Amino acid sequence: MSINGFRMRAVLTGLAGLRRRAGDAGMSTSEYAMGTIAACAFAAVLYKVVTSELVSAALQSTIGKALDAPF
C-alpha cells in the first residue's frame, strides 16, 4: 500500500463517517436540556418585560383609546 493510497482511504473513510453523522435525526439529552433552559430564560425575561410598569401603562393606554374610539 502506498502513502497516497493510505491517504485516499483515510479521506474516503472520513467522508463516509460524515455522511453517517449527517443522517442523525433529533437532539440528544443535553441539547434538550440546553433548549429547555434557554426557553425558560426567555420566558422569564418576557414575563418581566410584560409585567413592568411601562408596558402595563402602555397597554392600558392603548386599550383605553380603543374603547373610547368613536364609531
N, C-alpha and C. Protein backbone atom coordinates (compact mmCIF):
# COMPACT_ATOMS: atom_id res chain seq x y z
N MET A 1 0.85 -1.17 0.00
CA MET A 1 0.00 0.00 0.00
C MET A 1 0.89 1.23 0.00
N SER A 2 0.57 2.13 -0.86
CA SER A 2 1.38 3.35 -0.95
C SER A 2 0.85 4.40 0.02
N ILE A 3 1.66 5.41 0.22
CA ILE A 3 1.25 6.51 1.09
C ILE A 3 0.01 7.19 0.53
N ASN A 4 0.00 7.41 -0.79
CA ASN A 4 -1.16 8.06 -1.40
C ASN A 4 -2.42 7.22 -1.26
N GLY A 5 -2.30 5.91 -1.40
CA GLY A 5 -3.44 5.02 -1.22
C GLY A 5 -3.95 5.07 0.21
N PHE A 6 -3.04 5.16 1.15
CA PHE A 6 -3.44 5.26 2.55
C PHE A 6 -4.19 6.57 2.81
N ARG A 7 -3.67 7.66 2.25
CA ARG A 7 -4.33 8.95 2.43
C ARG A 7 -5.72 8.95 1.78
N MET A 8 -5.81 8.35 0.60
CA MET A 8 -7.10 8.31 -0.10
C MET A 8 -8.10 7.50 0.71
N ARG A 9 -7.67 6.38 1.29
CA ARG A 9 -8.57 5.57 2.10
C ARG A 9 -9.00 6.34 3.35
N ALA A 10 -8.08 7.08 3.95
CA ALA A 10 -8.42 7.87 5.14
C ALA A 10 -9.44 8.96 4.79
N VAL A 11 -9.26 9.59 3.64
CA VAL A 11 -10.19 10.63 3.22
C VAL A 11 -11.56 10.02 2.96
N LEU A 12 -11.61 8.90 2.24
CA LEU A 12 -12.90 8.28 1.93
C LEU A 12 -13.58 7.76 3.19
N THR A 13 -12.82 7.22 4.13
CA THR A 13 -13.39 6.75 5.38
C THR A 13 -13.95 7.93 6.17
N GLY A 14 -13.22 9.04 6.18
CA GLY A 14 -13.69 10.24 6.87
C GLY A 14 -14.97 10.77 6.25
N LEU A 15 -15.06 10.77 4.93
CA LEU A 15 -16.26 11.24 4.25
C LEU A 15 -17.45 10.32 4.54
N ALA A 16 -17.21 9.03 4.61
CA ALA A 16 -18.28 8.09 4.94
C ALA A 16 -18.79 8.35 6.35
N GLY A 17 -17.88 8.67 7.26
CA GLY A 17 -18.27 8.98 8.63
C GLY A 17 -19.11 10.24 8.69
N LEU A 18 -18.77 11.23 7.87
CA LEU A 18 -19.56 12.46 7.84
C LEU A 18 -20.95 12.19 7.29
N ARG A 19 -21.03 11.35 6.29
CA ARG A 19 -22.32 11.03 5.71
C ARG A 19 -23.21 10.35 6.73
N ARG A 20 -22.64 9.45 7.52
CA ARG A 20 -23.41 8.77 8.55
C ARG A 20 -23.89 9.74 9.61
N ARG A 21 -23.00 10.65 10.05
CA ARG A 21 -23.37 11.60 11.09
C ARG A 21 -24.43 12.59 10.61
N ALA A 22 -24.38 12.96 9.35
CA ALA A 22 -25.35 13.90 8.82
C ALA A 22 -26.75 13.30 8.82
N GLY A 23 -26.86 11.98 8.82
CA GLY A 23 -28.14 11.33 8.83
C GLY A 23 -28.78 11.25 10.21
N ASP A 24 -28.04 11.62 11.26
CA ASP A 24 -28.61 11.60 12.60
C ASP A 24 -29.78 12.56 12.68
N ALA A 25 -30.88 12.09 13.21
CA ALA A 25 -32.04 12.95 13.37
C ALA A 25 -32.33 13.13 14.86
N GLY A 26 -32.82 14.28 15.22
CA GLY A 26 -33.20 14.52 16.61
C GLY A 26 -32.07 15.13 17.42
N MET A 27 -32.41 15.40 18.67
CA MET A 27 -31.45 16.03 19.57
C MET A 27 -31.09 15.06 20.68
N SER A 28 -29.93 15.26 21.26
CA SER A 28 -29.53 14.45 22.40
C SER A 28 -30.10 15.07 23.67
N THR A 29 -29.95 14.37 24.77
CA THR A 29 -30.49 14.84 26.04
C THR A 29 -29.90 16.18 26.44
N SER A 30 -28.61 16.37 26.24
CA SER A 30 -28.00 17.65 26.61
C SER A 30 -28.54 18.79 25.75
N GLU A 31 -28.83 18.51 24.49
CA GLU A 31 -29.39 19.55 23.62
C GLU A 31 -30.81 19.91 24.07
N TYR A 32 -31.59 18.91 24.47
CA TYR A 32 -32.91 19.18 25.02
C TYR A 32 -32.81 20.02 26.29
N ALA A 33 -31.85 19.70 27.14
CA ALA A 33 -31.67 20.44 28.39
C ALA A 33 -31.30 21.90 28.11
N MET A 34 -30.39 22.13 27.19
CA MET A 34 -29.99 23.50 26.86
C MET A 34 -31.15 24.26 26.22
N GLY A 35 -31.92 23.60 25.38
CA GLY A 35 -33.09 24.24 24.77
C GLY A 35 -34.13 24.61 25.81
N THR A 36 -34.34 23.73 26.78
CA THR A 36 -35.30 23.98 27.86
C THR A 36 -34.84 25.15 28.72
N ILE A 37 -33.57 25.18 29.06
CA ILE A 37 -33.03 26.28 29.87
C ILE A 37 -33.16 27.61 29.11
N ALA A 38 -32.85 27.61 27.83
CA ALA A 38 -32.96 28.83 27.03
C ALA A 38 -34.42 29.30 26.95
N ALA A 39 -35.34 28.36 26.77
CA ALA A 39 -36.76 28.72 26.69
C ALA A 39 -37.26 29.29 28.01
N CYS A 40 -36.82 28.71 29.11
CA CYS A 40 -37.22 29.22 30.44
C CYS A 40 -36.64 30.61 30.69
N ALA A 41 -35.41 30.82 30.30
CA ALA A 41 -34.79 32.13 30.47
C ALA A 41 -35.51 33.18 29.63
N PHE A 42 -35.86 32.83 28.41
CA PHE A 42 -36.59 33.75 27.54
C PHE A 42 -37.97 34.05 28.13
N ALA A 43 -38.65 33.04 28.66
CA ALA A 43 -39.96 33.24 29.27
C ALA A 43 -39.86 34.15 30.48
N ALA A 44 -38.82 33.99 31.29
CA ALA A 44 -38.65 34.84 32.47
C ALA A 44 -38.43 36.29 32.07
N VAL A 45 -37.60 36.52 31.06
CA VAL A 45 -37.35 37.89 30.60
C VAL A 45 -38.62 38.48 30.01
N LEU A 46 -39.34 37.71 29.22
CA LEU A 46 -40.59 38.19 28.63
C LEU A 46 -41.62 38.52 29.71
N TYR A 47 -41.71 37.70 30.74
CA TYR A 47 -42.64 37.95 31.85
C TYR A 47 -42.29 39.25 32.56
N LYS A 48 -41.01 39.47 32.81
CA LYS A 48 -40.57 40.70 33.47
C LYS A 48 -40.91 41.93 32.62
N VAL A 49 -40.71 41.83 31.32
CA VAL A 49 -41.00 42.96 30.42
C VAL A 49 -42.49 43.24 30.39
N VAL A 50 -43.29 42.21 30.24
CA VAL A 50 -44.74 42.40 30.11
C VAL A 50 -45.36 42.91 31.41
N THR A 51 -44.84 42.50 32.55
CA THR A 51 -45.40 42.93 33.83
C THR A 51 -44.77 44.22 34.36
N SER A 52 -43.89 44.84 33.60
CA SER A 52 -43.28 46.08 34.05
C SER A 52 -44.30 47.23 34.01
N GLU A 53 -44.05 48.25 34.76
CA GLU A 53 -44.96 49.41 34.84
C GLU A 53 -45.10 50.10 33.49
N LEU A 54 -44.00 50.24 32.77
CA LEU A 54 -44.02 50.94 31.49
C LEU A 54 -44.92 50.23 30.47
N VAL A 55 -44.75 48.92 30.36
CA VAL A 55 -45.55 48.15 29.41
C VAL A 55 -47.01 48.09 29.86
N SER A 56 -47.22 47.95 31.15
CA SER A 56 -48.58 47.92 31.68
C SER A 56 -49.31 49.22 31.39
N ALA A 57 -48.64 50.35 31.60
CA ALA A 57 -49.25 51.65 31.32
C ALA A 57 -49.53 51.81 29.83
N ALA A 58 -48.61 51.37 28.99
CA ALA A 58 -48.81 51.47 27.54
C ALA A 58 -49.99 50.62 27.10
N LEU A 59 -50.12 49.41 27.63
CA LEU A 59 -51.25 48.55 27.28
C LEU A 59 -52.57 49.15 27.74
N GLN A 60 -52.59 49.67 28.96
CA GLN A 60 -53.81 50.29 29.47
C GLN A 60 -54.20 51.50 28.63
N SER A 61 -53.22 52.29 28.22
CA SER A 61 -53.48 53.45 27.38
C SER A 61 -54.04 53.03 26.03
N THR A 62 -53.43 52.03 25.44
CA THR A 62 -53.88 51.55 24.13
C THR A 62 -55.29 50.98 24.21
N ILE A 63 -55.56 50.19 25.22
CA ILE A 63 -56.90 49.61 25.38
C ILE A 63 -57.92 50.71 25.67
N GLY A 64 -57.53 51.69 26.50
CA GLY A 64 -58.43 52.80 26.79
C GLY A 64 -58.77 53.60 25.55
N LYS A 65 -57.78 53.86 24.72
CA LYS A 65 -58.03 54.59 23.46
C LYS A 65 -58.92 53.78 22.52
N ALA A 66 -58.72 52.47 22.49
CA ALA A 66 -59.54 51.62 21.61
C ALA A 66 -60.99 51.58 22.07
N LEU A 67 -61.21 51.57 23.38
CA LEU A 67 -62.58 51.52 23.90
C LEU A 67 -63.28 52.86 23.78
N ASP A 68 -62.54 53.95 23.79
CA ASP A 68 -63.13 55.28 23.69
C ASP A 68 -63.22 55.78 22.25
N ALA A 69 -62.91 54.95 21.29
CA ALA A 69 -62.93 55.37 19.88
C ALA A 69 -64.36 55.62 19.42
N PRO A 70 -64.57 56.71 18.70
CA PRO A 70 -65.93 56.97 18.18
C PRO A 70 -66.28 56.02 17.03
N PHE A 71 -67.54 55.68 16.95
CA PHE A 71 -67.98 54.77 15.88
C PHE A 71 -68.66 55.52 14.79
